[in-house]
């Protein structure tokens, strides 16, 4: 459990803000990663680093059902997304593509630049900058297995002995 930087966004961050439609002519994760969050913060890919966290308010990932959004976030190397709530389809796509997401009621207490870490087993986000802890409902073991495998398809391949 290592510390990383929090990058703050507001409510209703839709999939077009996560990865703009103009980049959907590719499904290459590395190419998508070059443009992640570009329309929400044009400097995001220059400031953020692999292992950092995106922190947002309500309804993160609303909009279209495209899997490009969680794929782009994961390919950039973001350790996870912490938000007060997620759009239902984004929630499902995140786990299916192997991206950790955390519903944290107190996500608004985390400010941009805060140094944070996540303890999956304890079900809490630790804000080292503010010396605070915020609880979240622990991710069920099966869903943690999906993420550890890299998503639903790699998990299924492994379970069927095809990996």
Protein backbone atom coordinates (compact mmCIF):
# COMPACT_ATOMS: atom_id res chain seq x y z
CA UNK A 1 0.00 0.00 0.00
CA UNK A 2 1.93 2.97 -1.29
CA UNK A 3 1.08 6.65 -1.19
CA UNK A 4 0.07 8.44 -4.37
CA UNK A 5 -1.32 11.77 -5.46
CA UNK A 6 -5.05 12.52 -5.68
CA UNK A 7 -6.29 14.31 -8.82
CA UNK A 8 -9.62 15.98 -8.14
CA UNK A 9 -12.63 16.25 -10.45
CA UNK A 10 -16.23 17.24 -9.76
CA UNK A 11 -19.65 15.68 -10.18
CA UNK A 12 -21.06 14.14 -13.36
CA UNK A 13 -17.75 13.41 -15.07
CA UNK A 14 -19.07 11.70 -18.17
CA UNK A 15 -17.31 9.25 -20.45
CA UNK A 16 -16.66 12.01 -23.03
CA UNK A 17 -14.64 13.90 -20.42
CA UNK A 18 -12.76 10.71 -19.52
CA UNK A 19 -11.92 9.92 -23.16
CA UNK A 20 -13.31 12.21 -25.85
CA UNK A 21 -15.28 10.71 -28.73
CA UNK A 22 -12.71 12.05 -31.22
CA UNK A 23 -10.29 9.38 -29.95
CA UNK A 24 -12.65 6.45 -30.31
CA UNK A 25 -11.29 5.55 -33.73
CA UNK A 26 -8.88 3.29 -31.83
CA UNK A 27 -9.29 0.71 -29.12
CA UNK A 28 -5.54 0.57 -28.40
CA UNK A 29 -5.28 1.11 -24.63
CA UNK A 30 -1.90 2.88 -24.84
CA UNK A 31 -3.17 5.33 -27.43
CA UNK A 32 -6.30 6.03 -25.37
CA UNK A 33 -4.14 6.59 -22.28
CA UNK A 34 -2.40 9.50 -24.01
CA UNK A 35 -5.70 11.41 -23.96
CA UNK A 36 -7.34 10.33 -20.70
CA UNK A 37 -9.19 13.15 -18.89
CA UNK A 38 -7.98 15.59 -21.58
CA UNK A 39 -11.29 17.47 -21.90
CA UNK A 40 -11.66 17.73 -18.11
CA UNK A 41 -8.04 18.86 -17.55
CA UNK A 42 -5.83 19.37 -20.60
CA UNK A 43 -2.69 18.98 -18.46
CA UNK A 44 -3.75 15.79 -16.65
CA UNK A 45 -1.49 13.39 -18.57
CA UNK A 46 1.48 15.71 -17.98
CA UNK A 47 0.84 16.10 -14.24
CA UNK A 48 -0.40 12.67 -13.15
CA UNK A 49 1.75 9.58 -12.78
CA UNK A 50 1.12 5.86 -12.83
CA UNK A 51 -0.09 4.81 -9.39
CA UNK A 52 -2.00 8.05 -8.73
CA UNK A 53 -5.73 8.21 -8.02
CA UNK A 54 -8.58 10.06 -9.67
CA UNK A 55 -11.01 11.46 -7.07
CA UNK A 56 -14.45 12.75 -8.03
CA UNK A 57 -17.91 13.55 -6.74
CA UNK A 58 -21.23 12.02 -7.70
CA UNK A 59 -22.05 10.01 -10.82
CA UNK A 60 -18.53 9.43 -12.18
CA UNK A 61 -18.57 7.75 -15.59
CA UNK A 62 -22.07 8.78 -16.64
CA UNK A 63 -22.87 9.00 -20.33
CA UNK A 64 -22.23 6.29 -22.87
CA UNK A 65 -21.64 2.65 -22.11
CA UNK A 66 -18.29 2.52 -23.91
CA UNK A 67 -15.54 0.52 -22.22
CA UNK A 68 -12.94 2.94 -23.60
CA UNK A 69 -13.28 5.12 -20.49
CA UNK A 70 -12.11 2.63 -17.84
CA UNK A 71 -9.65 1.13 -20.34
CA UNK A 72 -8.01 4.55 -20.86
CA UNK A 73 -7.79 5.20 -17.10
CA UNK A 74 -6.30 1.79 -16.42
CA UNK A 75 -3.86 1.98 -19.35
CA UNK A 76 -2.53 5.30 -18.07
CA UNK A 77 -1.70 3.51 -14.83
CA UNK A 78 -4.19 5.13 -12.47
CA UNK A 79 -4.36 2.94 -9.34
CA UNK A 80 -8.08 3.52 -8.95
CA UNK A 81 -10.95 5.97 -9.04
CA UNK A 82 -12.45 7.20 -5.77
CA UNK A 83 -15.86 8.84 -6.05
CA UNK A 84 -19.01 9.44 -4.05
CA UNK A 85 -20.91 7.39 -6.65
CA UNK A 86 -20.49 5.85 -10.10
CA UNK A 87 -22.78 5.50 -13.07
CA UNK A 88 -24.00 1.91 -13.09
CA UNK A 89 -22.56 0.96 -16.49
CA UNK A 90 -19.17 2.52 -15.69
CA UNK A 91 -19.13 0.57 -12.40
CA UNK A 92 -19.63 -2.68 -14.27
CA UNK A 93 -17.20 -1.80 -17.07
CA UNK A 94 -14.52 -0.84 -14.54
CA UNK A 95 -14.52 -4.28 -12.93
CA UNK A 96 -14.87 -6.01 -16.31
CA UNK A 97 -11.73 -4.23 -17.53
CA UNK A 98 -9.77 -4.63 -14.29
CA UNK A 99 -9.93 -1.09 -12.88
CA UNK A 100 -10.28 -0.58 -9.13
CA UNK A 101 -13.05 1.84 -8.17
CA UNK A 102 -14.07 2.88 -4.67
CA UNK A 103 -17.38 4.40 -3.59
CA UNK A 104 -16.42 6.68 -0.73
CA UNK A 105 -19.12 8.88 0.85
CA UNK A 106 -16.44 11.29 2.09
CA UNK A 107 -14.63 11.59 -1.25
CA UNK A 108 -15.22 15.34 -1.21
CA UNK A 109 -12.79 15.63 1.73
CA UNK A 110 -9.93 14.55 -0.52
CA UNK A 111 -8.37 17.55 -2.24
CA UNK A 112 -6.17 17.71 -5.32
CA UNK A 113 -2.59 17.01 -4.40
CA UNK A 114 -3.41 15.10 -1.21
CA UNK A 115 -1.24 12.04 -0.70
CA UNK A 116 -3.48 9.02 -0.27
CA UNK A 117 -3.42 5.24 -0.22
CA UNK A 118 -6.09 2.55 -0.20
CA UNK A 119 -6.31 -0.45 2.12
CA UNK A 120 -8.56 -2.89 0.24
CA UNK A 121 -8.76 -5.37 3.09
CA UNK A 122 -9.74 -2.79 5.72
CA UNK A 123 -12.01 -0.98 3.28
CA UNK A 124 -10.56 2.47 3.79
CA UNK A 125 -8.83 5.30 2.02
CA UNK A 126 -6.04 6.85 4.06
CA UNK A 127 -5.43 10.54 3.49
CA UNK A 128 -1.85 11.02 4.66
CA UNK A 129 -1.93 14.76 3.97
CA UNK A 130 -4.91 15.39 6.27
CA UNK A 131 -4.35 12.46 8.63
CA UNK A 132 -7.87 11.14 7.97
CA UNK A 133 -9.42 7.82 7.01
CA UNK A 134 -12.56 7.30 4.94
CA UNK A 135 -14.40 4.00 4.95
CA UNK A 136 -15.82 2.26 1.90
CA UNK A 137 -17.63 -1.01 1.51
CA UNK A 138 -14.86 -3.56 0.90
CA UNK A 139 -14.71 -4.96 -2.60
CA UNK A 140 -15.97 -8.57 -2.59
CA UNK A 141 -13.24 -11.20 -3.05
CA UNK A 142 -14.62 -12.33 -6.42
CA UNK A 143 -14.44 -8.79 -7.80
CA UNK A 144 -10.91 -8.44 -6.46
CA UNK A 145 -10.06 -11.65 -8.34
CA UNK A 146 -11.47 -10.11 -11.54
CA UNK A 147 -9.21 -7.08 -11.12
CA UNK A 148 -6.17 -9.18 -10.20
CA UNK A 149 -6.68 -11.22 -13.37
CA UNK A 150 -6.87 -8.06 -15.47
CA UNK A 151 -10.63 -8.08 -15.99
CA UNK A 152 -13.47 -10.44 -16.86
CA UNK A 153 -12.04 -11.90 -20.09
CA UNK A 154 -8.62 -12.80 -18.64
CA UNK A 155 -10.37 -14.16 -15.54
CA UNK A 156 -12.67 -16.37 -17.64
CA UNK A 157 -9.75 -17.61 -19.74
CA UNK A 158 -7.84 -18.52 -16.60
CA UNK A 159 -10.85 -20.31 -15.09
CA UNK A 160 -11.37 -22.29 -18.31
CA UNK A 161 -7.68 -23.23 -18.46
CA UNK A 162 -7.12 -21.21 -21.61
CA UNK A 163 -4.63 -18.73 -20.16
